[in-house]
Protein backbone atom coordinates (compact mmCIF):
# COMPACT_ATOMS: atom_id res chain seq x y z
CA MET A 1 62.16 -58.66 -37.79
CA VAL A 2 61.75 -62.45 -37.48
CA ALA A 3 60.40 -63.79 -34.21
CA PRO A 4 62.83 -66.02 -32.29
CA ASP A 5 60.46 -68.96 -32.33
CA SER A 6 59.66 -68.76 -36.05
CA GLY A 7 61.58 -71.97 -36.65
CA ASP A 8 59.45 -73.80 -34.08
CA ARG A 9 56.28 -72.46 -35.68
CA LEU A 10 57.38 -73.65 -39.11
CA ALA A 11 58.11 -77.07 -37.67
CA ALA A 12 54.68 -77.13 -36.03
CA ALA A 13 53.04 -76.15 -39.33
CA ARG A 14 54.72 -79.08 -41.05
CA ASP A 15 53.29 -81.38 -38.39
CA LEU A 16 49.75 -80.36 -39.37
CA VAL A 17 49.82 -82.25 -42.67
CA LEU A 18 48.79 -85.87 -43.02
CA PRO A 19 51.43 -88.54 -42.62
CA ASP A 20 53.29 -89.42 -45.80
CA CYS A 21 51.43 -92.43 -47.14
CA ARG A 22 49.57 -93.73 -50.15
CA PRO A 23 45.87 -94.31 -49.38
CA THR A 24 45.62 -97.18 -51.84
CA VAL A 25 42.66 -98.88 -50.15
CA THR A 26 40.68 -95.64 -50.10
CA VAL A 27 41.36 -95.00 -53.78
CA ALA A 28 40.38 -98.59 -54.58
CA LEU A 29 37.09 -98.19 -52.69
CA VAL A 30 36.30 -94.94 -54.49
CA ALA A 31 37.09 -96.59 -57.83
CA ALA A 32 34.79 -99.48 -56.88
CA LEU A 33 31.95 -97.07 -56.10
CA ALA A 34 32.42 -95.35 -59.45
CA ALA A 35 32.67 -98.61 -61.40
CA VAL A 36 29.60 -100.13 -59.77
CA PHE A 37 27.56 -96.99 -60.39
CA LEU A 38 28.57 -96.85 -64.07
CA ALA A 39 27.73 -100.54 -64.47
CA GLN A 40 24.45 -99.94 -62.66
CA VAL A 41 23.53 -97.19 -65.15
CA ALA A 42 24.72 -99.20 -68.15
CA PHE A 43 22.66 -102.27 -67.28
CA VAL A 44 19.59 -100.52 -65.92
CA PRO A 45 16.47 -102.44 -67.01
CA ALA A 46 14.42 -101.08 -69.88
CA ALA A 47 11.43 -100.89 -67.56
CA CYS A 48 13.23 -98.12 -65.67
CA SER A 49 13.96 -95.95 -68.71
CA ARG A 50 11.13 -93.55 -67.92
CA ALA A 51 11.72 -93.41 -64.17
CA THR A 52 12.85 -90.16 -62.57
CA TYR A 53 16.00 -91.91 -61.33
CA PRO A 54 16.58 -94.93 -63.62
CA ALA A 55 19.54 -96.18 -61.58
CA TYR A 56 17.47 -96.12 -58.39
CA CYS A 57 14.70 -98.00 -60.14
CA GLY A 58 17.30 -100.52 -61.28
CA VAL A 59 18.26 -101.23 -57.67
CA PHE A 60 14.73 -102.34 -56.89
CA VAL A 61 14.70 -104.61 -59.95
CA LEU A 62 18.11 -106.05 -59.05
CA ALA A 63 17.21 -106.73 -55.44
CA HIS A 64 13.69 -107.95 -56.20
CA GLY A 65 13.04 -111.12 -54.28
CA SER A 66 15.97 -110.36 -51.93
CA THR A 67 18.55 -111.86 -54.29
CA VAL A 68 21.97 -112.37 -52.71
CA ALA A 69 23.73 -110.31 -55.39
CA GLY A 70 21.35 -107.43 -54.94
CA LEU A 71 21.69 -107.35 -51.17
CA LEU A 72 25.49 -107.63 -51.26
CA LEU A 73 25.75 -104.76 -53.73
CA LEU A 74 23.37 -102.38 -51.93
CA PRO A 75 26.08 -100.37 -50.08
CA PHE A 76 27.84 -99.78 -53.43
CA LEU A 77 24.72 -98.83 -55.39
CA HIS A 78 23.44 -95.25 -55.64
CA GLY A 79 20.25 -93.72 -56.90
CA PHE A 80 21.65 -90.87 -59.01
CA PRO A 81 24.99 -89.25 -59.96
CA LEU A 82 24.99 -86.62 -57.19
CA HIS A 83 24.38 -89.32 -54.58
CA ALA A 84 27.32 -91.37 -55.84
CA GLY A 85 29.57 -88.33 -56.37
CA VAL A 86 29.12 -86.89 -52.87
CA ASN A 87 29.75 -90.25 -51.21
CA ALA A 88 32.83 -90.87 -53.36
CA ALA A 89 34.27 -87.42 -52.59
CA MET A 90 33.67 -87.76 -48.85
CA LEU A 91 35.11 -91.27 -48.85
CA LEU A 92 38.24 -90.03 -50.61
CA PHE A 93 38.77 -87.23 -48.09
CA PHE A 94 37.93 -88.97 -44.81
CA GLY A 95 39.14 -92.37 -45.95
CA ALA A 96 42.57 -91.05 -46.95
CA HIS A 97 42.99 -89.42 -43.56
CA SER A 98 41.86 -92.52 -41.66
CA GLU A 99 44.00 -94.85 -43.75
CA CYS A 100 47.13 -92.74 -43.34
CA ARG A 101 46.65 -92.38 -39.62
CA PHE A 102 45.14 -95.68 -38.51
CA GLY A 103 46.16 -98.13 -41.21
CA ARG A 104 44.58 -99.91 -44.15
CA ARG A 105 43.08 -102.81 -42.24
CA ARG A 106 41.26 -100.60 -39.76
CA LEU A 107 39.96 -98.39 -42.57
CA LEU A 108 38.62 -101.35 -44.50
CA VAL A 109 36.99 -102.98 -41.47
CA ALA A 110 35.38 -99.74 -40.32
CA PHE A 111 34.06 -98.77 -43.75
CA LEU A 112 32.66 -102.16 -44.74
CA THR A 113 31.15 -102.87 -41.32
CA ALA A 114 29.45 -99.47 -41.20
CA ALA A 115 28.35 -99.56 -44.85
CA TYR A 116 26.68 -102.96 -44.60
CA LEU A 117 25.30 -102.76 -41.07
CA SER A 118 23.83 -99.29 -41.60
CA THR A 119 22.19 -100.35 -44.87
CA PHE A 120 20.57 -103.46 -43.42
CA VAL A 121 19.43 -101.70 -40.23
CA GLN A 122 17.80 -99.07 -42.48
CA ILE A 123 16.06 -101.84 -44.43
CA LEU A 124 14.71 -103.37 -41.21
CA TRP A 125 13.54 -99.93 -40.15
CA ASN A 126 11.82 -99.42 -43.50
CA LEU A 127 10.11 -102.80 -43.28
CA GLY A 128 8.39 -101.45 -40.18
CA GLY A 129 6.58 -98.98 -42.40
CA ALA A 130 8.96 -96.03 -42.27
CA GLY A 131 9.50 -95.78 -46.01
CA SER A 132 10.54 -97.69 -49.13
CA PRO A 133 11.50 -101.34 -48.54
CA LEU A 134 15.11 -100.89 -49.65
CA ALA A 135 18.05 -98.70 -48.72
CA LEU A 136 21.24 -98.19 -50.67
CA GLY A 137 24.46 -96.23 -50.75
CA ALA A 138 27.76 -95.98 -48.89
CA SER A 139 26.68 -93.10 -46.65
CA GLY A 140 26.87 -95.19 -43.48
CA GLY A 141 30.49 -96.09 -44.16
CA VAL A 142 31.33 -92.49 -45.00
CA TYR A 143 29.70 -91.22 -41.80
CA ALA A 144 31.76 -93.70 -39.79
CA LEU A 145 35.02 -92.49 -41.32
CA ALA A 146 33.99 -88.87 -40.78
CA VAL A 147 33.34 -89.38 -37.06
CA ALA A 148 36.04 -91.88 -36.04
CA PRO A 149 39.17 -89.68 -36.38
CA GLY A 150 37.65 -86.86 -34.35
CA VAL A 151 36.57 -89.18 -31.54
CA ALA A 152 40.02 -90.78 -31.46
CA ALA A 153 41.66 -87.36 -31.31
CA LEU A 154 39.47 -86.23 -28.40
CA LEU A 155 40.13 -89.36 -26.35
CA GLU A 156 43.89 -89.64 -26.78
CA HIS A 157 46.03 -88.37 -23.92
CA GLY A 158 49.58 -87.18 -23.44
CA ARG A 159 49.98 -85.68 -26.89
CA SER A 160 51.73 -82.48 -27.89
CA LEU A 161 49.94 -79.29 -28.86
CA PRO A 162 50.73 -79.66 -32.60
CA ASP A 163 48.97 -83.04 -32.51
CA TYR A 164 45.81 -81.46 -31.12
CA GLU A 165 46.02 -78.63 -33.65
CA ARG A 166 46.32 -81.15 -36.45
CA ASP A 167 43.29 -83.13 -35.34
CA ALA A 168 41.07 -80.21 -34.29
CA PRO A 169 39.43 -79.79 -37.73
CA PHE A 170 38.53 -83.48 -37.85
CA ALA A 171 37.11 -83.35 -34.33
CA VAL A 172 34.90 -80.41 -35.32
CA ILE A 173 33.80 -82.05 -38.57
CA GLY A 174 33.10 -85.32 -36.80
CA ALA A 175 30.96 -83.57 -34.21
CA LEU A 176 28.97 -81.77 -36.91
CA VAL A 177 28.43 -85.00 -38.85
CA PHE A 178 27.29 -86.81 -35.69
CA VAL A 179 24.89 -84.00 -34.76
CA SER A 180 23.49 -83.92 -38.29
CA ALA A 181 22.84 -87.68 -38.09
CA VAL A 182 20.95 -87.26 -34.82
CA LEU A 183 18.93 -84.31 -36.15
CA GLY A 184 18.12 -86.28 -39.28
CA VAL A 185 16.64 -89.17 -37.29
CA LEU A 186 14.64 -86.70 -35.20
CA GLY A 187 13.25 -85.20 -38.39
CA VAL A 188 14.65 -81.74 -37.74
CA LEU A 189 16.54 -81.41 -41.02
CA PRO A 190 14.48 -80.23 -44.03
CA ASN A 191 15.21 -83.31 -46.18
CA ALA A 192 15.06 -85.88 -43.39
CA GLY A 193 12.09 -87.63 -44.94
CA GLN A 194 13.93 -88.27 -48.22
CA THR A 195 17.21 -89.65 -46.83
CA ALA A 196 18.33 -92.81 -45.06
CA THR A 197 18.61 -91.09 -41.71
CA VAL A 198 18.77 -94.31 -39.68
CA ALA A 199 21.70 -95.54 -41.80
CA HIS A 200 23.48 -92.23 -41.22
CA LEU A 201 23.05 -92.49 -37.46
CA VAL A 202 24.19 -96.13 -37.37
CA GLY A 203 27.29 -95.16 -39.37
CA ALA A 204 28.04 -92.24 -37.04
CA LEU A 205 27.63 -94.45 -33.96
CA LEU A 206 29.96 -97.06 -35.40
CA GLY A 207 32.43 -94.30 -36.22
CA ALA A 208 32.35 -93.18 -32.59
CA PHE A 209 32.89 -96.79 -31.49
CA TYR A 210 35.86 -97.32 -33.80
CA GLY A 211 37.35 -93.95 -32.87
CA ALA A 212 37.21 -94.87 -29.18
CA LEU A 213 38.63 -98.32 -29.91
CA TRP A 214 41.52 -96.97 -31.98
CA SER A 215 42.25 -94.40 -29.31
CA ALA A 216 42.38 -97.08 -26.60
CA VAL A 217 44.70 -99.23 -28.71
CA GLU A 218 47.05 -96.34 -29.47
CA THR A 219 47.09 -95.17 -25.85
CA ALA A 220 47.84 -98.68 -24.62
CA GLY A 221 50.62 -99.00 -27.16
């Protein structure tokens, strides 16, 4: 026997999917990460051929002397394939959601701001004696996009239950990402000493800021 409200439930289930859009900016950013990493590996200096992570060694050679090109490329450079692959996969998932829901311009601004600011804050932190003099990778931008949708969902008011059900997973994921960033900076996580924990926290904080901003804009509209 079919429940009387089965039609309403089916309609609610359809509302849980992402809006119908083409996340072209997200795909372009992921393609850029992949292309830069492949170029980084292809042109890695011969001096790095015996290094444990030749691509990571190549970053230091490229940015030696604080060259403009090296510094501008740092958020798109990665030390090894797993580093690049994880960031690309997370960017594709969270970026597609953010782009479809908040728009291409907001996605691009949030990602680039978080990616660059988190990288350079990490470098300043490292110059204080906390580790290697350079930092690299798009993790800060990815953390921002992982946190922003959840914060926006929590702060928006006057929405229907299906809207909250749709955004609940992103709110949970965003909270977990934010907590992991805080624990990383505090040195609680096992690999905290080998990761750019300050960059992760800066990215998560910027994600919370953008999520609150987007929520305020949507509520006002």
